[in-house]
Amino acid sequence: MKKIIFSGGFVGRGFRLPDIRKNLLLWSMLASLFAGVAAGAFHGRNADAEMLQSLDLLFLTDFRAGRTQTLHGAFAASFASAFIFMLMIFLSGMSLWGVVSAAVVPFIKGYGYGLSVGFLYSAYGLSGIGYNALVILPGAMLCSVVIASAARQAILCSAKILTLFRKTAVSDDPRVFMRHYLLAMLWLLLLAAVSSLIDMIFTAAFSQLFNFG
């Protein structure tokens, strides 16, 4: 009988399971984001439309605005929100305290998404769930991964900066990891733009199916 291998391809073809230990920091950032979603959904049940409208620039919580925006407006609003979070994370990575501040950003991003989810479900029931699944969730999923990945990069960069203050000589050229950090953040910013494009497409395709009054 052939021996079943679990360490490479599909079962019996060399399928390699992901090494969670190597990506522990990324998983931690995703866990922080999902914790924010849970907290936001809990508080979103008691939120009102005016509160969500006031937070729209940062969290895209004004779902009514998305139904009346032009395609360009929907993309611009989504990318502006993502850019603010990316900028917060980027600056955190360039600072000595970025190990802490960058880790908080995914939670904040998740909290804003959770507010929308909690309010939509509480106020509109199944219609709210449908709107979230068809309009908000597709772009939000990619954006969440981007934010978590950016936070990981920022924490690693900030930790590297901290090592420059050791008494012992540093063998690595700081310009190398800073260049790597900048390129990684630019790539993630491009993916954030893709998530905004997905937001625009799904908003145009499905938002008119829902009437929230």
C-alpha atoms as a PDB file:
ATOM      1  CA  MET A   1       0.000   0.000   0.000  1.00  0.00           C
ATOM      2  CA  LYS A   2       1.338   3.393  -0.941  1.00  0.00           C
ATOM      3  CA  LYS A   3       2.239   5.601   1.937  1.00  0.00           C
ATOM      4  CA  ILE A   4       0.065   8.692   2.245  1.00  0.00           C
ATOM      5  CA  ILE A   5       2.111  11.852   2.390  1.00  0.00           C
ATOM      6  CA  PHE A   6       0.749  14.978   4.062  1.00  0.00           C
ATOM      7  CA  SER A   7       3.787  17.164   3.611  1.00  0.00           C
ATOM      8  CA  GLY A   8       3.580  18.015  -0.019  1.00  0.00           C
ATOM      9  CA  GLY A   9       0.748  18.605  -2.982  1.00  0.00           C
ATOM     10  CA  PHE A  10      -2.651  17.048  -2.390  1.00  0.00           C
ATOM     11  CA  VAL A  11      -2.835  13.982  -0.179  1.00  0.00           C
ATOM     12  CA  GLY A  12      -0.469  11.481  -1.797  1.00  0.00           C
ATOM     13  CA  ARG A  13       1.006  14.180  -4.081  1.00  0.00           C
ATOM     14  CA  GLY A  14       3.201  16.126  -1.731  1.00  0.00           C
ATOM     15  CA  PHE A  15       0.717  18.686  -0.366  1.00  0.00           C
ATOM     16  CA  ARG A  16       2.491  20.916   2.115  1.00  0.00           C
ATOM     17  CA  LEU A  17       0.388  22.323   4.912  1.00  0.00           C
ATOM     18  CA  PRO A  18       1.129  25.973   5.743  1.00  0.00           C
ATOM     19  CA  ASP A  19       3.595  26.449   8.566  1.00  0.00           C
ATOM     20  CA  ILE A  20       1.596  28.559  11.007  1.00  0.00           C
ATOM     21  CA  ARG A  21       4.677  29.225  13.122  1.00  0.00           C
ATOM     22  CA  LYS A  22       6.392  31.088  10.281  1.00  0.00           C
ATOM     23  CA  ASN A  23       3.318  33.290   9.832  1.00  0.00           C
ATOM     24  CA  LEU A  24       2.423  33.645  13.497  1.00  0.00           C
ATOM     25  CA  LEU A  25       2.692  37.428  13.381  1.00  0.00           C
ATOM     26  CA  LEU A  26       0.363  37.642  10.374  1.00  0.00           C
ATOM     27  CA  TRP A  27      -2.145  35.326  12.032  1.00  0.00           C
ATOM     28  CA  SER A  28      -1.935  37.476  15.164  1.00  0.00           C
ATOM     29  CA  MET A  29      -2.770  40.590  13.132  1.00  0.00           C
ATOM     30  CA  LEU A  30      -5.713  38.796  11.530  1.00  0.00           C
ATOM     31  CA  ALA A  31      -6.871  37.682  14.977  1.00  0.00           C
ATOM     32  CA  SER A  32      -6.666  41.307  16.144  1.00  0.00           C
ATOM     33  CA  LEU A  33      -8.761  42.375  13.160  1.00  0.00           C
ATOM     34  CA  PHE A  34     -11.406  39.706  13.758  1.00  0.00           C
ATOM     35  CA  ALA A  35     -11.522  40.662  17.433  1.00  0.00           C
ATOM     36  CA  GLY A  36     -12.270  44.199  16.267  1.00  0.00           C
ATOM     37  CA  VAL A  37     -15.039  42.880  14.000  1.00  0.00           C
ATOM     38  CA  ALA A  38     -16.603  41.047  16.939  1.00  0.00           C
ATOM     39  CA  ALA A  39     -16.392  44.112  19.190  1.00  0.00           C
ATOM     40  CA  GLY A  40     -17.765  46.387  16.473  1.00  0.00           C
ATOM     41  CA  ALA A  41     -20.648  44.029  15.676  1.00  0.00           C
ATOM     42  CA  PHE A  42     -21.572  43.934  19.355  1.00  0.00           C
ATOM     43  CA  HIS A  43     -21.671  47.725  19.632  1.00  0.00           C
ATOM     44  CA  GLY A  44     -23.173  48.154  16.164  1.00  0.00           C
ATOM     45  CA  ARG A  45     -26.463  46.734  17.379  1.00  0.00           C
ATOM     46  CA  ASN A  46     -27.012  49.942  19.359  1.00  0.00           C
ATOM     47  CA  ALA A  47     -25.600  52.329  16.754  1.00  0.00           C
ATOM     48  CA  ASP A  48     -27.726  54.696  14.681  1.00  0.00           C
ATOM     49  CA  ALA A  49     -27.484  55.911  11.088  1.00  0.00           C
ATOM     50  CA  GLU A  50     -26.171  59.335  12.121  1.00  0.00           C
ATOM     51  CA  MET A  51     -23.272  57.780  14.013  1.00  0.00           C
ATOM     52  CA  LEU A  52     -22.356  55.581  11.065  1.00  0.00           C
ATOM     53  CA  GLN A  53     -22.528  58.549   8.721  1.00  0.00           C
ATOM     54  CA  SER A  54     -20.090  60.509  10.882  1.00  0.00           C
ATOM     55  CA  LEU A  55     -17.572  57.638  10.728  1.00  0.00           C
ATOM     56  CA  ASP A  56     -17.940  57.029   7.003  1.00  0.00           C
ATOM     57  CA  LEU A  57     -14.642  58.607   5.881  1.00  0.00           C
ATOM     58  CA  LEU A  58     -12.619  56.250   8.046  1.00  0.00           C
ATOM     59  CA  PHE A  59     -14.759  53.098   8.073  1.00  0.00           C
ATOM     60  CA  LEU A  60     -17.128  53.381   5.053  1.00  0.00           C
ATOM     61  CA  THR A  61     -20.066  52.875   7.393  1.00  0.00           C
ATOM     62  CA  ASP A  62     -22.565  55.066   5.511  1.00  0.00           C
ATOM     63  CA  PHE A  63     -24.018  52.312   3.327  1.00  0.00           C
ATOM     64  CA  ARG A  64     -26.754  54.613   1.998  1.00  0.00           C
ATOM     65  CA  ALA A  65     -24.111  56.844   0.364  1.00  0.00           C
ATOM     66  CA  GLY A  66     -22.750  53.871  -1.557  1.00  0.00           C
ATOM     67  CA  ARG A  67     -26.107  53.371  -3.264  1.00  0.00           C
ATOM     68  CA  THR A  68     -26.088  56.897  -4.714  1.00  0.00           C
ATOM     69  CA  GLN A  69     -22.395  57.380  -5.514  1.00  0.00           C
ATOM     70  CA  THR A  70     -20.923  57.311  -9.001  1.00  0.00           C
ATOM     71  CA  LEU A  71     -18.438  54.555  -9.837  1.00  0.00           C
ATOM     72  CA  HIS A  72     -15.526  56.942  -9.439  1.00  0.00           C
ATOM     73  CA  GLY A  73     -16.945  58.225  -6.179  1.00  0.00           C
ATOM     74  CA  ALA A  74     -17.335  54.709  -4.782  1.00  0.00           C
ATOM     75  CA  PHE A  75     -13.742  53.852  -5.691  1.00  0.00           C
ATOM     76  CA  ALA A  76     -12.385  57.114  -4.287  1.00  0.00           C
ATOM     77  CA  ALA A  77     -14.247  56.700  -0.989  1.00  0.00           C
ATOM     78  CA  SER A  78     -13.088  53.102  -0.570  1.00  0.00           C
ATOM     79  CA  PHE A  79      -9.468  53.851  -1.451  1.00  0.00           C
ATOM     80  CA  ALA A  80      -9.386  56.944   0.766  1.00  0.00           C
ATOM     81  CA  SER A  81     -10.418  54.815   3.737  1.00  0.00           C
ATOM     82  CA  ALA A  82      -7.836  52.136   2.936  1.00  0.00           C
ATOM     83  CA  PHE A  83      -5.136  54.761   2.337  1.00  0.00           C
ATOM     84  CA  ILE A  84      -5.697  56.346   5.757  1.00  0.00           C
ATOM     85  CA  PHE A  85      -5.151  53.001   7.471  1.00  0.00           C
ATOM     86  CA  MET A  86      -2.164  52.192   5.285  1.00  0.00           C
ATOM     87  CA  LEU A  87      -0.620  55.577   6.086  1.00  0.00           C
ATOM     88  CA  MET A  88      -1.131  55.013   9.814  1.00  0.00           C
ATOM     89  CA  ILE A  89       0.558  51.630   9.556  1.00  0.00           C
ATOM     90  CA  PHE A  90       3.384  52.909   7.343  1.00  0.00           C
ATOM     91  CA  LEU A  91       4.264  55.722   9.741  1.00  0.00           C
ATOM     92  CA  SER A  92       4.104  53.299  12.659  1.00  0.00           C
ATOM     93  CA  GLY A  93       6.671  51.092  10.954  1.00  0.00           C
ATOM     94  CA  MET A  94       9.034  54.076  10.647  1.00  0.00           C
ATOM     95  CA  SER A  95       8.856  54.763  14.379  1.00  0.00           C
ATOM     96  CA  LEU A  96      10.276  53.204  17.523  1.00  0.00           C
ATOM     97  CA  TRP A  97       6.806  52.574  18.971  1.00  0.00           C
ATOM     98  CA  GLY A  98       5.449  50.969  15.811  1.00  0.00           C
ATOM     99  CA  VAL A  99       5.606  47.509  17.348  1.00  0.00           C
ATOM    100  CA  VAL A 100       2.648  48.569  19.489  1.00  0.00           C
ATOM    101  CA  SER A 101       0.802  51.129  17.372  1.00  0.00           C
ATOM    102  CA  ALA A 102       0.826  49.078  14.161  1.00  0.00           C
ATOM    103  CA  ALA A 103      -0.675  46.121  16.011  1.00  0.00           C
ATOM    104  CA  VAL A 104      -3.661  48.243  17.077  1.00  0.00           C
ATOM    105  CA  VAL A 105      -4.627  49.374  13.566  1.00  0.00           C
ATOM    106  CA  PRO A 106      -6.094  46.022  12.396  1.00  0.00           C
ATOM    107  CA  PHE A 107      -8.348  45.997  15.458  1.00  0.00           C
ATOM    108  CA  ILE A 108      -9.563  49.513  14.633  1.00  0.00           C
ATOM    109  CA  LYS A 109     -10.188  48.552  11.002  1.00  0.00           C
ATOM    110  CA  GLY A 110     -12.098  45.450  12.075  1.00  0.00           C
ATOM    111  CA  TYR A 111     -14.115  47.466  14.591  1.00  0.00           C
ATOM    112  CA  GLY A 112     -15.377  49.772  11.850  1.00  0.00           C
ATOM    113  CA  TYR A 113     -16.417  46.861   9.678  1.00  0.00           C
ATOM    114  CA  GLY A 114     -18.098  45.204  12.655  1.00  0.00           C
ATOM    115  CA  LEU A 115     -20.100  48.369  13.334  1.00  0.00           C
ATOM    116  CA  SER A 116     -21.596  48.166   9.856  1.00  0.00           C
ATOM    117  CA  VAL A 117     -22.331  44.463  10.166  1.00  0.00           C
ATOM    118  CA  GLY A 118     -23.957  44.830  13.585  1.00  0.00           C
ATOM    119  CA  PHE A 119     -26.085  47.791  12.528  1.00  0.00           C
ATOM    120  CA  LEU A 120     -27.214  46.223   9.248  1.00  0.00           C
ATOM    121  CA  TYR A 121     -28.246  43.001  10.951  1.00  0.00           C
ATOM    122  CA  SER A 122     -29.950  44.766  13.855  1.00  0.00           C
ATOM    123  CA  ALA A 123     -31.828  47.258  11.683  1.00  0.00           C
ATOM    124  CA  TYR A 124     -32.619  45.245   8.561  1.00  0.00           C
ATOM    125  CA  GLY A 125     -32.256  41.562   9.427  1.00  0.00           C
ATOM    126  CA  LEU A 126     -31.768  39.271   6.435  1.00  0.00           C
ATOM    127  CA  SER A 127     -31.666  42.209   4.012  1.00  0.00           C
ATOM    128  CA  GLY A 128     -28.782  43.668   5.991  1.00  0.00           C
ATOM    129  CA  ILE A 129     -26.962  40.335   5.939  1.00  0.00           C
ATOM    130  CA  GLY A 130     -27.493  40.094   2.181  1.00  0.00           C
ATOM    131  CA  TYR A 131     -26.165  43.620   1.630  1.00  0.00           C
ATOM    132  CA  ASN A 132     -23.099  42.834   3.688  1.00  0.00           C
ATOM    133  CA  ALA A 133     -22.449  39.564   1.846  1.00  0.00           C
ATOM    134  CA  LEU A 134     -22.933  40.944  -1.666  1.00  0.00           C
ATOM    135  CA  VAL A 135     -21.701  44.527  -1.411  1.00  0.00           C
ATOM    136  CA  ILE A 136     -19.375  45.013   1.567  1.00  0.00           C
ATOM    137  CA  LEU A 137     -17.725  41.661   2.238  1.00  0.00           C
ATOM    138  CA  PRO A 138     -15.917  40.935  -1.088  1.00  0.00           C
ATOM    139  CA  GLY A 139     -13.730  44.036  -0.966  1.00  0.00           C
ATOM    140  CA  ALA A 140     -13.496  43.993   2.828  1.00  0.00           C
ATOM    141  CA  MET A 141     -11.971  40.504   2.828  1.00  0.00           C
ATOM    142  CA  LEU A 142      -9.051  41.506   0.621  1.00  0.00           C
ATOM    143  CA  CYS A 143      -8.631  44.825   2.410  1.00  0.00           C
ATOM    144  CA  SER A 144      -8.510  43.013   5.754  1.00  0.00           C
ATOM    145  CA  VAL A 145      -5.698  40.748   4.573  1.00  0.00           C
ATOM    146  CA  VAL A 146      -3.850  43.778   3.193  1.00  0.00           C
ATOM    147  CA  ILE A 147      -4.167  45.692   6.473  1.00  0.00           C
ATOM    148  CA  ALA A 148      -3.017  42.667   8.509  1.00  0.00           C
ATOM    149  CA  SER A 149      -0.062  42.099   6.166  1.00  0.00           C
ATOM    150  CA  ALA A 150       0.891  45.779   6.288  1.00  0.00           C
ATOM    151  CA  ALA A 151       0.763  45.737  10.085  1.00  0.00           C
ATOM    152  CA  ARG A 152       3.072  42.713  10.069  1.00  0.00           C
ATOM    153  CA  GLN A 153       5.560  44.516   7.831  1.00  0.00           C
ATOM    154  CA  ALA A 154       5.407  47.634  10.009  1.00  0.00           C
ATOM    155  CA  ILE A 155       6.033  45.682  13.210  1.00  0.00           C
ATOM    156  CA  LEU A 156       9.031  43.915  11.678  1.00  0.00           C
ATOM    157  CA  CYS A 157      10.438  47.210  10.397  1.00  0.00           C
ATOM    158  CA  SER A 158       9.934  48.962  13.734  1.00  0.00           C
ATOM    159  CA  ALA A 159      11.577  46.052  15.552  1.00  0.00           C
ATOM    160  CA  LYS A 160      14.508  46.280  13.142  1.00  0.00           C
ATOM    161  CA  ILE A 161      14.868  49.981  13.878  1.00  0.00           C
ATOM    162  CA  LEU A 162      14.982  49.185  17.592  1.00  0.00           C
ATOM    163  CA  THR A 163      17.938  46.863  17.011  1.00  0.00           C
ATOM    164  CA  LEU A 164      19.931  49.830  15.675  1.00  0.00           C
ATOM    165  CA  PHE A 165      20.126  51.158  19.228  1.00  0.00           C
ATOM    166  CA  ARG A 166      21.970  48.135  20.553  1.00  0.00           C
ATOM    167  CA  LYS A 167      25.444  48.698  21.916  1.00  0.00           C
ATOM    168  CA  THR A 168      26.830  45.966  19.700  1.00  0.00           C
ATOM    169  CA  ALA A 169      27.540  46.757  16.065  1.00  0.00           C
ATOM    170  CA  VAL A 170      24.779  46.068  13.564  1.00  0.00           C
ATOM    171  CA  SER A 171      25.925  43.928  10.652  1.00  0.00           C
ATOM    172  CA  ASP A 172      22.907  44.534   8.412  1.00  0.00           C
ATOM    173  CA  ASP A 173      22.717  47.598   6.207  1.00  0.00           C
ATOM    174  CA  PRO A 174      19.638  49.588   7.382  1.00  0.00           C
ATOM    175  CA  ARG A 175      19.069  50.746   3.808  1.00  0.00           C
ATOM    176  CA  VAL A 176      18.376  47.181   2.735  1.00  0.00           C
ATOM    177  CA  PHE A 177      15.483  46.484   5.083  1.00  0.00           C
ATOM    178  CA  MET A 178      14.102  50.009   4.625  1.00  0.00           C
ATOM    179  CA  ARG A 179      14.041  49.488   0.868  1.00  0.00           C
ATOM    180  CA  HIS A 180      12.338  46.132   1.393  1.00  0.00           C
ATOM    181  CA  TYR A 181       9.800  47.795   3.694  1.00  0.00           C
ATOM    182  CA  LEU A 182       9.001  50.555   1.198  1.00  0.00           C
ATOM    183  CA  LEU A 183       8.574  48.122  -1.684  1.00  0.00           C
ATOM    184  CA  ALA A 184       6.380  45.806   0.422  1.00  0.00           C
ATOM    185  CA  MET A 185       4.139  48.693   1.476  1.00  0.00           C
ATOM    186  CA  LEU A 186       3.827  49.955  -2.093  1.00  0.00           C
ATOM    187  CA  TRP A 187       2.793  46.478  -3.214  1.00  0.00           C
ATOM    188  CA  LEU A 188       0.231  46.266  -0.421  1.00  0.00           C
ATOM    189  CA  LEU A 189      -1.069  49.722  -1.310  1.00  0.00           C
ATOM    190  CA  LEU A 190      -1.621  48.441  -4.847  1.00  0.00           C
ATOM    191  CA  LEU A 191      -3.596  45.515  -3.421  1.00  0.00           C
ATOM    192  CA  ALA A 192      -5.601  48.000  -1.355  1.00  0.00           C
ATOM    193  CA  ALA A 193      -6.474  49.760  -4.616  1.00  0.00           C
ATOM    194  CA  VAL A 194      -7.593  46.403  -6.014  1.00  0.00           C
ATOM    195  CA  SER A 195      -9.850  45.904  -2.984  1.00  0.00           C
ATOM    196  CA  SER A 196     -11.345  49.349  -3.645  1.00  0.00           C
ATOM    197  CA  LEU A 197     -11.928  48.359  -7.264  1.00  0.00           C
ATOM    198  CA  ILE A 198     -13.769  45.255  -6.016  1.00  0.00           C
ATOM    199  CA  ASP A 199     -15.822  47.498  -3.714  1.00  0.00           C
ATOM    200  CA  MET A 200     -16.753  49.666  -6.678  1.00  0.00           C
ATOM    201  CA  ILE A 201     -17.749  46.724  -8.874  1.00  0.00           C
ATOM    202  CA  PHE A 202     -19.870  44.968  -6.259  1.00  0.00           C
ATOM    203  CA  THR A 203     -21.498  48.234  -5.173  1.00  0.00           C
ATOM    204  CA  ALA A 204     -22.482  48.977  -8.762  1.00  0.00           C
ATOM    205  CA  ALA A 205     -23.688  45.423  -9.352  1.00  0.00           C
ATOM    206  CA  PHE A 206     -25.717  44.732  -6.216  1.00  0.00           C
ATOM    207  CA  SER A 207     -26.388  47.830  -4.107  1.00  0.00           C
ATOM    208  CA  GLN A 208     -29.524  48.761  -6.073  1.00  0.00           C
ATOM    209  CA  LEU A 209     -31.071  45.425  -5.143  1.00  0.00           C
ATOM    210  CA  PHE A 210     -31.556  46.687  -1.593  1.00  0.00           C
ATOM    211  CA  ASN A 211     -33.883  49.418  -0.409  1.00  0.00           C
ATOM    212  CA  PHE A 212     -33.268  50.551   3.151  1.00  0.00           C
ATOM    213  CA  GLY A 213     -35.510  53.579   3.043  1.00  0.00           C
END
